[in-house]
Amino acid sequence: MTANETTPKNLFSEVPGSTTKEWVEVLASSPHVRVERIVSTGQSSPDGFWYDQDEHEWVAVIAGEAQLSFEDDPEPLTLRAGDHLLIPAHRKHRVDWTSDSEPTVWLAVFYNADD
């Protein structure tokens, strides 16, 4: 471990106020797990697009808000700061919208479905 790896960082530092696409930063990773900070500023999934991931994803909204839809559920789910959920591998989902009045900051943990 280097000195840089032990320097504290803040999830809200260097958050872009507006970007044309989502901003993703890998905070930590190993062969079995990956932790990402994702910043959305009004982005959504393209029409007709569904995420179908090989990994489980635990996601939390740290700031802002967003709406997710799942292919197997007709009711969309609105997430606000502090909300979190587990999306099992291969559960098709999409981002309907993210706040365009403030950045939506996500903390996402991806881990192998086989573990």
PDB file of N, CA and C in Angstrom:
ATOM      1  N   MET A   1       0.845  -1.165   0.000  1.00  0.00           N
ATOM      2  CA  MET A   1       0.000   0.000   0.000  1.00  0.00           C
ATOM      3  C   MET A   1       0.900   1.241   0.000  1.00  0.00           C
ATOM      4  N   THR A   2       0.600   2.173  -0.844  1.00  0.00           N
ATOM      5  CA  THR A   2       1.391   3.404  -0.911  1.00  0.00           C
ATOM      6  C   THR A   2       0.751   4.481  -0.040  1.00  0.00           C
ATOM      7  N   ALA A   3       1.493   5.538   0.224  1.00  0.00           N
ATOM      8  CA  ALA A   3       0.973   6.646   1.029  1.00  0.00           C
ATOM      9  C   ALA A   3      -0.272   7.236   0.387  1.00  0.00           C
ATOM     10  N   ASN A   4      -0.318   7.298  -0.924  1.00  0.00           N
ATOM     11  CA  ASN A   4      -1.469   7.857  -1.637  1.00  0.00           C
ATOM     12  C   ASN A   4      -2.737   7.049  -1.383  1.00  0.00           C
ATOM     13  N   GLU A   5      -2.610   5.726  -1.238  1.00  0.00           N
ATOM     14  CA  GLU A   5      -3.776   4.878  -1.004  1.00  0.00           C
ATOM     15  C   GLU A   5      -4.359   5.063   0.387  1.00  0.00           C
ATOM     16  N   THR A   6      -3.563   5.590   1.316  1.00  0.00           N
ATOM     17  CA  THR A   6      -4.061   5.793   2.678  1.00  0.00           C
ATOM     18  C   THR A   6      -4.454   7.229   2.955  1.00  0.00           C
ATOM     19  N   THR A   7      -4.388   8.096   1.956  1.00  0.00           N
ATOM     20  CA  THR A   7      -4.799   9.485   2.115  1.00  0.00           C
ATOM     21  C   THR A   7      -6.320   9.567   2.046  1.00  0.00           C
ATOM     22  N   PRO A   8      -6.965  10.135   3.065  1.00  0.00           N
ATOM     23  CA  PRO A   8      -8.431  10.231   3.029  1.00  0.00           C
ATOM     24  C   PRO A   8      -8.908  11.055   1.834  1.00  0.00           C
ATOM     25  N   LYS A   9     -10.040  10.643   1.294  1.00  0.00           N
ATOM     26  CA  LYS A   9     -10.697  11.379   0.219  1.00  0.00           C
ATOM     27  C   LYS A   9     -12.157  11.547   0.606  1.00  0.00           C
ATOM     28  N   ASN A  10     -12.853  12.446  -0.051  1.00  0.00           N
ATOM     29  CA  ASN A  10     -14.237  12.723   0.260  1.00  0.00           C
ATOM     30  C   ASN A  10     -15.092  12.422  -0.966  1.00  0.00           C
ATOM     31  N   LEU A  11     -16.225  11.728  -0.760  1.00  0.00           N
ATOM     32  CA  LEU A  11     -17.106  11.364  -1.875  1.00  0.00           C
ATOM     33  C   LEU A  11     -17.691  12.576  -2.592  1.00  0.00           C
ATOM     34  N   PHE A  12     -17.669  13.740  -1.934  1.00  0.00           N
ATOM     35  CA  PHE A  12     -18.245  14.940  -2.540  1.00  0.00           C
ATOM     36  C   PHE A  12     -17.203  15.877  -3.122  1.00  0.00           C
ATOM     37  N   SER A  13     -15.919  15.532  -2.983  1.00  0.00           N
ATOM     38  CA  SER A  13     -14.887  16.400  -3.546  1.00  0.00           C
ATOM     39  C   SER A  13     -14.771  16.162  -5.046  1.00  0.00           C
ATOM     40  N   GLU A  14     -14.471  17.225  -5.748  1.00  0.00           N
ATOM     41  CA  GLU A  14     -14.252  17.170  -7.192  1.00  0.00           C
ATOM     42  C   GLU A  14     -15.440  16.568  -7.952  1.00  0.00           C
ATOM     43  N   VAL A  15     -16.647  16.838  -7.468  1.00  0.00           N
ATOM     44  CA  VAL A  15     -17.853  16.387  -8.161  1.00  0.00           C
ATOM     45  C   VAL A  15     -18.154  17.392  -9.264  1.00  0.00           C
ATOM     46  N   PRO A  16     -18.208  16.947 -10.513  1.00  0.00           N
ATOM     47  CA  PRO A  16     -18.519  17.889 -11.590  1.00  0.00           C
ATOM     48  C   PRO A  16     -19.953  18.398 -11.465  1.00  0.00           C
ATOM     49  N   GLY A  17     -20.152  19.679 -11.732  1.00  0.00           N
ATOM     50  CA  GLY A  17     -21.482  20.268 -11.654  1.00  0.00           C
ATOM     51  C   GLY A  17     -22.363  19.891 -12.826  1.00  0.00           C
ATOM     52  N   SER A  18     -21.749  19.637 -13.976  1.00  0.00           N
ATOM     53  CA  SER A  18     -22.505  19.266 -15.170  1.00  0.00           C
ATOM     54  C   SER A  18     -21.556  18.577 -16.140  1.00  0.00           C
ATOM     55  N   THR A  19     -22.029  17.478 -16.700  1.00  0.00           N
ATOM     56  CA  THR A  19     -21.254  16.744 -17.697  1.00  0.00           C
ATOM     57  C   THR A  19     -22.206  16.247 -18.774  1.00  0.00           C
ATOM     58  N   THR A  20     -21.691  15.976 -19.948  1.00  0.00           N
ATOM     59  CA  THR A  20     -22.539  15.472 -21.025  1.00  0.00           C
ATOM     60  C   THR A  20     -22.855  13.984 -20.848  1.00  0.00           C
ATOM     61  N   LYS A  21     -22.005  13.264 -20.126  1.00  0.00           N
ATOM     62  CA  LYS A  21     -22.298  11.864 -19.827  1.00  0.00           C
ATOM     63  C   LYS A  21     -21.920  11.584 -18.383  1.00  0.00           C
ATOM     64  N   GLU A  22     -22.401  10.451 -17.871  1.00  0.00           N
ATOM     65  CA  GLU A  22     -22.089  10.109 -16.494  1.00  0.00           C
ATOM     66  C   GLU A  22     -20.582  10.042 -16.283  1.00  0.00           C
ATOM     67  N   TRP A  23     -20.165  10.428 -15.106  1.00  0.00           N
ATOM     68  CA  TRP A  23     -18.766  10.436 -14.727  1.00  0.00           C
ATOM     69  C   TRP A  23     -18.555   9.290 -13.749  1.00  0.00           C
ATOM     70  N   VAL A  24     -17.638   8.368 -14.072  1.00  0.00           N
ATOM     71  CA  VAL A  24     -17.415   7.174 -13.261  1.00  0.00           C
ATOM     72  C   VAL A  24     -15.972   7.153 -12.786  1.00  0.00           C
ATOM     73  N   GLU A  25     -15.798   6.909 -11.486  1.00  0.00           N
ATOM     74  CA  GLU A  25     -14.472   6.790 -10.901  1.00  0.00           C
ATOM     75  C   GLU A  25     -14.421   5.500 -10.093  1.00  0.00           C
ATOM     76  N   VAL A  26     -13.464   4.626 -10.404  1.00  0.00           N
ATOM     77  CA  VAL A  26     -13.264   3.404  -9.623  1.00  0.00           C
ATOM     78  C   VAL A  26     -12.497   3.786  -8.367  1.00  0.00           C
ATOM     79  N   LEU A  27     -13.107   3.535  -7.210  1.00  0.00           N
ATOM     80  CA  LEU A  27     -12.491   3.887  -5.935  1.00  0.00           C
ATOM     81  C   LEU A  27     -11.636   2.759  -5.381  1.00  0.00           C
ATOM     82  N   ALA A  28     -12.034   1.522  -5.633  1.00  0.00           N
ATOM     83  CA  ALA A  28     -11.297   0.348  -5.170  1.00  0.00           C
ATOM     84  C   ALA A  28     -11.722  -0.834  -6.013  1.00  0.00           C
ATOM     85  N   SER A  29     -10.806  -1.779  -6.219  1.00  0.00           N
ATOM     86  CA  SER A  29     -11.178  -2.965  -6.998  1.00  0.00           C
ATOM     87  C   SER A  29     -10.257  -4.128  -6.650  1.00  0.00           C
ATOM     88  N   SER A  30     -10.765  -5.305  -6.911  1.00  0.00           N
ATOM     89  CA  SER A  30     -10.021  -6.556  -6.799  1.00  0.00           C
ATOM     90  C   SER A  30     -10.621  -7.485  -7.844  1.00  0.00           C
ATOM     91  N   PRO A  31     -10.113  -8.691  -7.981  1.00  0.00           N
ATOM     92  CA  PRO A  31     -10.725  -9.607  -8.956  1.00  0.00           C
ATOM     93  C   PRO A  31     -12.186  -9.944  -8.638  1.00  0.00           C
ATOM     94  N   HIS A  32     -12.638  -9.702  -7.395  1.00  0.00           N
ATOM     95  CA  HIS A  32     -13.987 -10.111  -7.002  1.00  0.00           C
ATOM     96  C   HIS A  32     -14.948  -8.974  -6.725  1.00  0.00           C
ATOM     97  N   VAL A  33     -14.441  -7.753  -6.575  1.00  0.00           N
ATOM     98  CA  VAL A  33     -15.304  -6.630  -6.213  1.00  0.00           C
ATOM     99  C   VAL A  33     -14.750  -5.337  -6.805  1.00  0.00           C
ATOM    100  N   ARG A  34     -15.672  -4.421  -7.121  1.00  0.00           N
ATOM    101  CA  ARG A  34     -15.299  -3.102  -7.639  1.00  0.00           C
ATOM    102  C   ARG A  34     -16.226  -2.065  -7.000  1.00  0.00           C
ATOM    103  N   VAL A  35     -15.645  -0.988  -6.482  1.00  0.00           N
ATOM    104  CA  VAL A  35     -16.410   0.089  -5.870  1.00  0.00           C
ATOM    105  C   VAL A  35     -16.254   1.319  -6.757  1.00  0.00           C
ATOM    106  N   GLU A  36     -17.378   1.895  -7.156  1.00  0.00           N
ATOM    107  CA  GLU A  36     -17.358   3.054  -8.039  1.00  0.00           C
ATOM    108  C   GLU A  36     -18.135   4.211  -7.440  1.00  0.00           C
ATOM    109  N   ARG A  37     -17.666   5.421  -7.728  1.00  0.00           N
ATOM    110  CA  ARG A  37     -18.441   6.631  -7.490  1.00  0.00           C
ATOM    111  C   ARG A  37     -18.905   7.076  -8.871  1.00  0.00           C
ATOM    112  N   ILE A  38     -20.204   7.261  -9.013  1.00  0.00           N
ATOM    113  CA  ILE A  38     -20.791   7.659 -10.288  1.00  0.00           C
ATOM    114  C   ILE A  38     -21.497   8.995 -10.059  1.00  0.00           C
ATOM    115  N   VAL A  39     -21.262   9.944 -10.954  1.00  0.00           N
ATOM    116  CA  VAL A  39     -21.930  11.237 -10.863  1.00  0.00           C
ATOM    117  C   VAL A  39     -22.768  11.430 -12.125  1.00  0.00           C
ATOM    118  N   SER A  40     -24.069  11.633 -11.925  1.00  0.00           N
ATOM    119  CA  SER A  40     -25.003  11.873 -13.020  1.00  0.00           C
ATOM    120  C   SER A  40     -25.526  13.289 -12.906  1.00  0.00           C
ATOM    121  N   THR A  41     -25.651  13.954 -14.036  1.00  0.00           N
ATOM    122  CA  THR A  41     -26.190  15.322 -14.051  1.00  0.00           C
ATOM    123  C   THR A  41     -27.264  15.412 -15.126  1.00  0.00           C
ATOM    124  N   GLY A  42     -28.379  14.726 -14.872  1.00  0.00           N
ATOM    125  CA  GLY A  42     -29.494  14.747 -15.805  1.00  0.00           C
ATOM    126  C   GLY A  42     -29.471  13.621 -16.825  1.00  0.00           C
ATOM    127  N   GLN A  43     -28.524  12.701 -16.717  1.00  0.00           N
ATOM    128  CA  GLN A  43     -28.447  11.613 -17.697  1.00  0.00           C
ATOM    129  C   GLN A  43     -29.508  10.537 -17.430  1.00  0.00           C
ATOM    130  N   SER A  44     -29.765   9.760 -18.462  1.00  0.00           N
ATOM    131  CA  SER A  44     -30.658   8.609 -18.371  1.00  0.00           C
ATOM    132  C   SER A  44     -30.172   7.563 -19.365  1.00  0.00           C
ATOM    133  N   SER A  45     -30.701   6.358 -19.235  1.00  0.00           N
ATOM    134  CA  SER A  45     -30.359   5.304 -20.193  1.00  0.00           C
ATOM    135  C   SER A  45     -30.979   5.627 -21.543  1.00  0.00           C
ATOM    136  N   PRO A  46     -30.310   5.263 -22.631  1.00  0.00           N
ATOM    137  CA  PRO A  46     -30.905   5.481 -23.957  1.00  0.00           C
ATOM    138  C   PRO A  46     -32.243   4.739 -24.093  1.00  0.00           C
ATOM    139  N   ASP A  47     -33.133   5.262 -24.910  1.00  0.00           N
ATOM    140  CA  ASP A  47     -34.426   4.610 -25.146  1.00  0.00           C
ATOM    141  C   ASP A  47     -34.213   3.152 -25.549  1.00  0.00           C
ATOM    142  N   GLY A  48     -34.957   2.258 -24.903  1.00  0.00           N
ATOM    143  CA  GLY A  48     -34.908   0.846 -25.243  1.00  0.00           C
ATOM    144  C   GLY A  48     -33.712   0.088 -24.681  1.00  0.00           C
ATOM    145  N   PHE A  49     -32.793   0.777 -23.987  1.00  0.00           N
ATOM    146  CA  PHE A  49     -31.601   0.129 -23.449  1.00  0.00           C
ATOM    147  C   PHE A  49     -31.863  -0.392 -22.042  1.00  0.00           C
ATOM    148  N   TRP A  50     -31.405  -1.617 -21.779  1.00  0.00           N
ATOM    149  CA  TRP A  50     -31.492  -2.222 -20.453  1.00  0.00           C
ATOM    150  C   TRP A  50     -30.112  -2.719 -20.046  1.00  0.00           C
ATOM    151  N   TYR A  51     -29.682  -2.379 -18.834  1.00  0.00           N
ATOM    152  CA  TYR A  51     -28.473  -2.990 -18.282  1.00  0.00           C
ATOM    153  C   TYR A  51     -28.777  -4.448 -17.998  1.00  0.00           C
ATOM    154  N   ASP A  52     -27.880  -5.340 -18.388  1.00  0.00           N
ATOM    155  CA  ASP A  52     -27.990  -6.774 -18.108  1.00  0.00           C
ATOM    156  C   ASP A  52     -26.587  -7.228 -17.704  1.00  0.00           C
ATOM    157  N   GLN A  53     -26.259  -7.043 -16.450  1.00  0.00           N
ATOM    158  CA  GLN A  53     -24.902  -7.204 -15.953  1.00  0.00           C
ATOM    159  C   GLN A  53     -24.631  -8.607 -15.439  1.00  0.00           C
ATOM    160  N   ASP A  54     -23.395  -9.053 -15.609  1.00  0.00           N
ATOM    161  CA  ASP A  54     -22.953 -10.346 -15.089  1.00  0.00           C
ATOM    162  C   ASP A  54     -22.671 -10.298 -13.589  1.00  0.00           C
ATOM    163  N   GLU A  55     -22.578  -9.099 -13.022  1.00  0.00           N
ATOM    164  CA  GLU A  55     -22.265  -8.922 -11.607  1.00  0.00           C
ATOM    165  C   GLU A  55     -23.498  -8.455 -10.838  1.00  0.00           C
ATOM    166  N   HIS A  56     -23.527  -8.764  -9.536  1.00  0.00           N
ATOM    167  CA  HIS A  56     -24.502  -8.145  -8.650  1.00  0.00           C
ATOM    168  C   HIS A  56     -24.062  -6.691  -8.453  1.00  0.00           C
ATOM    169  N   GLU A  57     -25.032  -5.815  -8.225  1.00  0.00           N
ATOM    170  CA  GLU A  57     -24.711  -4.412  -7.976  1.00  0.00           C
ATOM    171  C   GLU A  57     -25.498  -3.912  -6.776  1.00  0.00           C
ATOM    172  N   TRP A  58     -24.766  -3.494  -5.746  1.00  0.00           N
ATOM    173  CA  TRP A  58     -25.373  -2.779  -4.640  1.00  0.00           C
ATOM    174  C   TRP A  58     -25.130  -1.313  -4.927  1.00  0.00           C
ATOM    175  N   VAL A  59     -26.191  -0.520  -4.906  1.00  0.00           N
ATOM    176  CA  VAL A  59     -26.061   0.888  -5.268  1.00  0.00           C
ATOM    177  C   VAL A  59     -26.767   1.750  -4.232  1.00  0.00           C
ATOM    178  N   ALA A  60     -26.133   2.887  -3.912  1.00  0.00           N
ATOM    179  CA  ALA A  60     -26.719   3.850  -2.997  1.00  0.00           C
ATOM    180  C   ALA A  60     -26.656   5.232  -3.629  1.00  0.00           C
ATOM    181  N   VAL A  61     -27.715   6.003  -3.449  1.00  0.00           N
ATOM    182  CA  VAL A  61     -27.705   7.401  -3.870  1.00  0.00           C
ATOM    183  C   VAL A  61     -27.231   8.198  -2.657  1.00  0.00           C
ATOM    184  N   ILE A  62     -26.107   8.890  -2.818  1.00  0.00           N
ATOM    185  CA  ILE A  62     -25.504   9.660  -1.738  1.00  0.00           C
ATOM    186  C   ILE A  62     -26.022  11.104  -1.754  1.00  0.00           C
ATOM    187  N   ALA A  63     -26.294  11.609  -2.952  1.00  0.00           N
ATOM    188  CA  ALA A  63     -26.829  12.966  -3.120  1.00  0.00           C
ATOM    189  C   ALA A  63     -27.675  12.983  -4.385  1.00  0.00           C
ATOM    190  N   GLY A  64     -28.655  13.879  -4.426  1.00  0.00           N
ATOM    191  CA  GLY A  64     -29.510  13.984  -5.607  1.00  0.00           C
ATOM    192  C   GLY A  64     -30.609  12.939  -5.595  1.00  0.00           C
ATOM    193  N   GLU A  65     -31.132  12.644  -6.773  1.00  0.00           N
ATOM    194  CA  GLU A  65     -32.163  11.613  -6.889  1.00  0.00           C
ATOM    195  C   GLU A  65     -32.201  11.074  -8.305  1.00  0.00           C
ATOM    196  N   ALA A  66     -32.831   9.905  -8.436  1.00  0.00           N
ATOM    197  CA  ALA A  66     -32.903   9.230  -9.725  1.00  0.00           C
ATOM    198  C   ALA A  66     -34.104   8.295  -9.729  1.00  0.00           C
ATOM    199  N   GLN A  67     -34.497   7.892 -10.926  1.00  0.00           N
ATOM    200  CA  GLN A  67     -35.552   6.899 -11.057  1.00  0.00           C
ATOM    201  C   GLN A  67     -35.025   5.729 -11.861  1.00  0.00           C
ATOM    202  N   LEU A  68     -35.227   4.520 -11.328  1.00  0.00           N
ATOM    203  CA  LEU A  68     -34.852   3.287 -12.009  1.00  0.00           C
ATOM    204  C   LEU A  68     -36.105   2.527 -12.402  1.00  0.00           C
ATOM    205  N   SER A  69     -36.010   1.803 -13.508  1.00  0.00           N
ATOM    206  CA  SER A  69     -37.054   0.866 -13.907  1.00  0.00           C
ATOM    207  C   SER A  69     -36.426  -0.499 -14.074  1.00  0.00           C
ATOM    208  N   PHE A  70     -37.239  -1.519 -13.809  1.00  0.00           N
ATOM    209  CA  PHE A  70     -36.819  -2.902 -13.976  1.00  0.00           C
ATOM    210  C   PHE A  70     -37.736  -3.557 -14.989  1.00  0.00           C
ATOM    211  N   GLU A  71     -37.153  -4.348 -15.876  1.00  0.00           N
ATOM    212  CA  GLU A  71     -37.937  -4.973 -16.940  1.00  0.00           C
ATOM    213  C   GLU A  71     -39.060  -5.844 -16.377  1.00  0.00           C
ATOM    214  N   ASP A  72     -38.840  -6.454 -15.206  1.00  0.00           N
ATOM    215  CA  ASP A  72     -39.823  -7.375 -14.633  1.00  0.00           C
ATOM    216  C   ASP A  72     -40.782  -6.713 -13.637  1.00  0.00           C
ATOM    217  N   ASP A  73     -40.794  -5.373 -13.573  1.00  0.00           N
ATOM    218  CA  ASP A  73     -41.662  -4.672 -12.634  1.00  0.00           C
ATOM    219  C   ASP A  73     -42.200  -3.407 -13.308  1.00  0.00           C
ATOM    220  N   PRO A  74     -43.514  -3.272 -13.426  1.00  0.00           N
ATOM    221  CA  PRO A  74     -44.067  -2.105 -14.124  1.00  0.00           C
ATOM    222  C   PRO A  74     -43.936  -0.799 -13.341  1.00  0.00           C
ATOM    223  N   GLU A  75     -43.673  -0.879 -12.022  1.00  0.00           N
ATOM    224  CA  GLU A  75     -43.578   0.327 -11.202  1.00  0.00           C
ATOM    225  C   GLU A  75     -42.142   0.823 -11.122  1.00  0.00           C
ATOM    226  N   PRO A  76     -41.856   2.039 -11.599  1.00  0.00           N
ATOM    227  CA  PRO A  76     -40.504   2.587 -11.444  1.00  0.00           C
ATOM    228  C   PRO A  76     -40.207   2.865  -9.975  1.00  0.00           C
ATOM    229  N   LEU A  77     -38.936   2.968  -9.664  1.00  0.00           N
ATOM    230  CA  LEU A  77     -38.480   3.164  -8.297  1.00  0.00           C
ATOM    231  C   LEU A  77     -37.685   4.462  -8.223  1.00  0.00           C
ATOM    232  N   THR A  78     -38.139   5.398  -7.398  1.00  0.00           N
ATOM    233  CA  THR A  78     -37.419   6.653  -7.210  1.00  0.00           C
ATOM    234  C   THR A  78     -36.492   6.515  -6.012  1.00  0.00           C
ATOM    235  N   LEU A  79     -35.216   6.843  -6.216  1.00  0.00           N
ATOM    236  CA  LEU A  79     -34.215   6.791  -5.159  1.00  0.00           C
ATOM    237  C   LEU A  79     -33.785   8.212  -4.814  1.00  0.00           C
ATOM    238  N   ARG A  80     -33.740   8.499  -3.529  1.00  0.00           N
ATOM    239  CA  ARG A  80     -33.290   9.796  -3.029  1.00  0.00           C
ATOM    240  C   ARG A  80     -32.069   9.577  -2.142  1.00  0.00           C
ATOM    241  N   ALA A  81     -31.410  10.663  -1.767  1.00  0.00           N
ATOM    242  CA  ALA A  81     -30.209  10.567  -0.942  1.00  0.00           C
ATOM    243  C   ALA A  81     -30.455   9.661   0.259  1.00  0.00           C
ATOM    244  N   GLY A  82     -29.588   8.692   0.427  1.00  0.00           N
ATOM    245  CA  GLY A  82     -29.686   7.732   1.522  1.00  0.00           C
ATOM    246  C   GLY A  82     -30.312   6.407   1.121  1.00  0.00           C
ATOM    247  N   ASP A  83     -31.026   6.366  -0.001  1.00  0.00           N
ATOM    248  CA  ASP A  83     -31.649   5.118  -0.446  1.00  0.00           C
ATOM    249  C   ASP A  83     -30.612   4.205  -1.090  1.00  0.00           C
ATOM    250  N   HIS A  84     -30.779   2.907  -0.873  1.00  0.00           N
ATOM    251  CA  HIS A  84     -29.887   1.930  -1.500  1.00  0.00           C
ATOM    252  C   HIS A  84     -30.661   0.659  -1.802  1.00  0.00           C
ATOM    253  N   LEU A  85     -30.135  -0.135  -2.726  1.00  0.00           N
ATOM    254  CA  LEU A  85     -30.749  -1.408  -3.062  1.00  0.00           C
ATOM    255  C   LEU A  85     -29.729  -2.322  -3.716  1.00  0.00           C
ATOM    256  N   LEU A  86     -30.066  -3.600  -3.735  1.00  0.00           N
ATOM    257  CA  LEU A  86     -29.247  -4.616  -4.386  1.00  0.00           C
ATOM    258  C   LEU A  86     -29.928  -5.020  -5.687  1.00  0.00           C
ATOM    259  N   ILE A  87     -29.181  -4.948  -6.774  1.00  0.00           N
ATOM    260  CA  ILE A  87     -29.685  -5.372  -8.085  1.00  0.00           C
ATOM    261  C   ILE A  87     -28.961  -6.678  -8.427  1.00  0.00           C
ATOM    262  N   PRO A  88     -29.668  -7.806  -8.387  1.00  0.00           N
ATOM    263  CA  PRO A  88     -29.014  -9.077  -8.692  1.00  0.00           C
ATOM    264  C   PRO A  88     -28.503  -9.121 -10.131  1.00  0.00           C
ATOM    265  N   ALA A  89     -27.463  -9.906 -10.336  1.00  0.00           N
ATOM    266  CA  ALA A  89     -26.924 -10.094 -11.685  1.00  0.00           C
ATOM    267  C   ALA A  89     -28.046 -10.482 -12.636  1.00  0.00           C
ATOM    268  N   HIS A  90     -28.027  -9.926 -13.812  1.00  0.00           N
ATOM    269  CA  HIS A  90     -28.957 -10.193 -14.919  1.00  0.00           C
ATOM    270  C   HIS A  90     -30.391  -9.729 -14.677  1.00  0.00           C
ATOM    271  N   ARG A  91     -30.629  -8.949 -13.625  1.00  0.00           N
ATOM    272  CA  ARG A  91     -31.943  -8.314 -13.502  1.00  0.00           C
ATOM    273  C   ARG A  91     -31.884  -7.052 -14.353  1.00  0.00           C
ATOM    274  N   LYS A  92     -32.604  -7.073 -15.453  1.00  0.00           N
ATOM    275  CA  LYS A  92     -32.538  -5.964 -16.406  1.00  0.00           C
ATOM    276  C   LYS A  92     -33.147  -4.708 -15.800  1.00  0.00           C
ATOM    277  N   HIS A  93     -32.359  -3.614 -15.901  1.00  0.00           N
ATOM    278  CA  HIS A  93     -32.779  -2.341 -15.331  1.00  0.00           C
ATOM    279  C   HIS A  93     -32.254  -1.195 -16.180  1.00  0.00           C
ATOM    280  N   ARG A  94     -32.818  -0.027 -15.936  1.00  0.00           N
ATOM    281  CA  ARG A  94     -32.412   1.164 -16.669  1.00  0.00           C
ATOM    282  C   ARG A  94     -32.596   2.386 -15.770  1.00  0.00           C
ATOM    283  N   VAL A  95     -31.905   3.454 -16.100  1.00  0.00           N
ATOM    284  CA  VAL A  95     -32.057   4.721 -15.391  1.00  0.00           C
ATOM    285  C   VAL A  95     -33.008   5.575 -16.220  1.00  0.00           C
ATOM    286  N   ASP A  96     -34.186   5.875 -15.658  1.00  0.00           N
ATOM    287  CA  ASP A  96     -35.171   6.691 -16.367  1.00  0.00           C
ATOM    288  C   ASP A  96     -34.768   8.162 -16.372  1.00  0.00           C
ATOM    289  N   TRP A  97     -34.271   8.643 -15.225  1.00  0.00           N
ATOM    290  CA  TRP A  97     -33.812  10.019 -15.128  1.00  0.00           C
ATOM    291  C   TRP A  97     -32.953  10.187 -13.889  1.00  0.00           C
ATOM    292  N   THR A  98     -32.131  11.213 -13.926  1.00  0.00           N
ATOM    293  CA  THR A  98     -31.402  11.666 -12.750  1.00  0.00           C
ATOM    294  C   THR A  98     -31.638  13.167 -12.635  1.00  0.00           C
ATOM    295  N   SER A  99     -31.511  13.674 -11.446  1.00  0.00           N
ATOM    296  CA  SER A  99     -31.760  15.089 -11.198  1.00  0.00           C
ATOM    297  C   SER A  99     -30.924  15.958 -12.127  1.00  0.00           C
ATOM    298  N   ASP A 100     -31.548  16.971 -12.691  1.00  0.00           N
ATOM    299  CA  ASP A 100     -30.786  17.927 -13.502  1.00  0.00           C
ATOM    300  C   ASP A 100     -30.587  19.248 -12.764  1.00  0.00           C
ATOM    301  N   SER A 101     -31.082  19.337 -11.512  1.00  0.00           N
ATOM    302  CA  SER A 101     -30.908  20.555 -10.718  1.00  0.00           C
ATOM    303  C   SER A 101     -29.717  20.459  -9.764  1.00  0.00           C
ATOM    304  N   GLU A 102     -29.225  19.257  -9.539  1.00  0.00           N
ATOM    305  CA  GLU A 102     -28.046  19.021  -8.713  1.00  0.00           C
ATOM    306  C   GLU A 102     -27.433  17.690  -9.147  1.00  0.00           C
ATOM    307  N   PRO A 103     -26.131  17.510  -8.939  1.00  0.00           N
ATOM    308  CA  PRO A 103     -25.533  16.222  -9.297  1.00  0.00           C
ATOM    309  C   PRO A 103     -26.120  15.090  -8.454  1.00  0.00           C
ATOM    310  N   THR A 104     -26.346  13.957  -9.081  1.00  0.00           N
ATOM    311  CA  THR A 104     -26.716  12.741  -8.368  1.00  0.00           C
ATOM    312  C   THR A 104     -25.429  11.941  -8.195  1.00  0.00           C
ATOM    313  N   VAL A 105     -25.055  11.701  -6.942  1.00  0.00           N
ATOM    314  CA  VAL A 105     -23.840  10.968  -6.627  1.00  0.00           C
ATOM    315  C   VAL A 105     -24.238   9.579  -6.149  1.00  0.00           C
ATOM    316  N   TRP A 106     -23.751   8.576  -6.865  1.00  0.00           N
ATOM    317  CA  TRP A 106     -24.030   7.176  -6.567  1.00  0.00           C
ATOM    318  C   TRP A 106     -22.771   6.535  -5.983  1.00  0.00           C
ATOM    319  N   LEU A 107     -22.946   5.590  -5.092  1.00  0.00           N
ATOM    320  CA  LEU A 107     -21.876   4.711  -4.667  1.00  0.00           C
ATOM    321  C   LEU A 107     -22.325   3.318  -5.071  1.00  0.00           C
ATOM    322  N   ALA A 108     -21.552   2.659  -5.931  1.00  0.00           N
ATOM    323  CA  ALA A 108     -21.933   1.358  -6.464  1.00  0.00           C
ATOM    324  C   ALA A 108     -20.861   0.333  -6.143  1.00  0.00           C
ATOM    325  N   VAL A 109     -21.303  -0.825  -5.671  1.00  0.00           N
ATOM    326  CA  VAL A 109     -20.406  -1.939  -5.388  1.00  0.00           C
ATOM    327  C   VAL A 109     -20.831  -3.101  -6.282  1.00  0.00           C
ATOM    328  N   PHE A 110     -19.931  -3.507  -7.154  1.00  0.00           N
ATOM    329  CA  PHE A 110     -20.183  -4.621  -8.063  1.00  0.00           C
ATOM    330  C   PHE A 110     -19.395  -5.818  -7.551  1.00  0.00           C
ATOM    331  N   TYR A 111     -20.034  -6.988  -7.529  1.00  0.00           N
ATOM    332  CA  TYR A 111     -19.295  -8.179  -7.104  1.00  0.00           C
ATOM    333  C   TYR A 111     -19.769  -9.385  -7.891  1.00  0.00           C
ATOM    334  N   ASN A 112     -18.891 -10.367  -7.970  1.00  0.00           N
ATOM    335  CA  ASN A 112     -19.128 -11.544  -8.808  1.00  0.00           C
ATOM    336  C   ASN A 112     -20.374 -12.295  -8.367  1.00  0.00           C
ATOM    337  N   ALA A 113     -21.162 -12.698  -9.338  1.00  0.00           N
ATOM    338  CA  ALA A 113     -22.376 -13.457  -9.058  1.00  0.00           C
ATOM    339  C   ALA A 113     -22.054 -14.846  -8.559  1.00  0.00           C
ATOM    340  N   ASP A 114     -20.868 -15.358  -8.860  1.00  0.00           N
ATOM    341  CA  ASP A 114     -20.485 -16.716  -8.470  1.00  0.00           C
ATOM    342  C   ASP A 114     -20.029 -16.801  -7.021  1.00  0.00           C
ATOM    343  N   ASP A 115     -19.754 -15.673  -6.384  1.00  0.00           N
ATOM    344  CA  ASP A 115     -19.239 -15.687  -5.008  1.00  0.00           C
ATOM    345  C   ASP A 115     -20.351 -15.825  -3.997  1.00  0.00           C
TER     346      ASP A 115
END
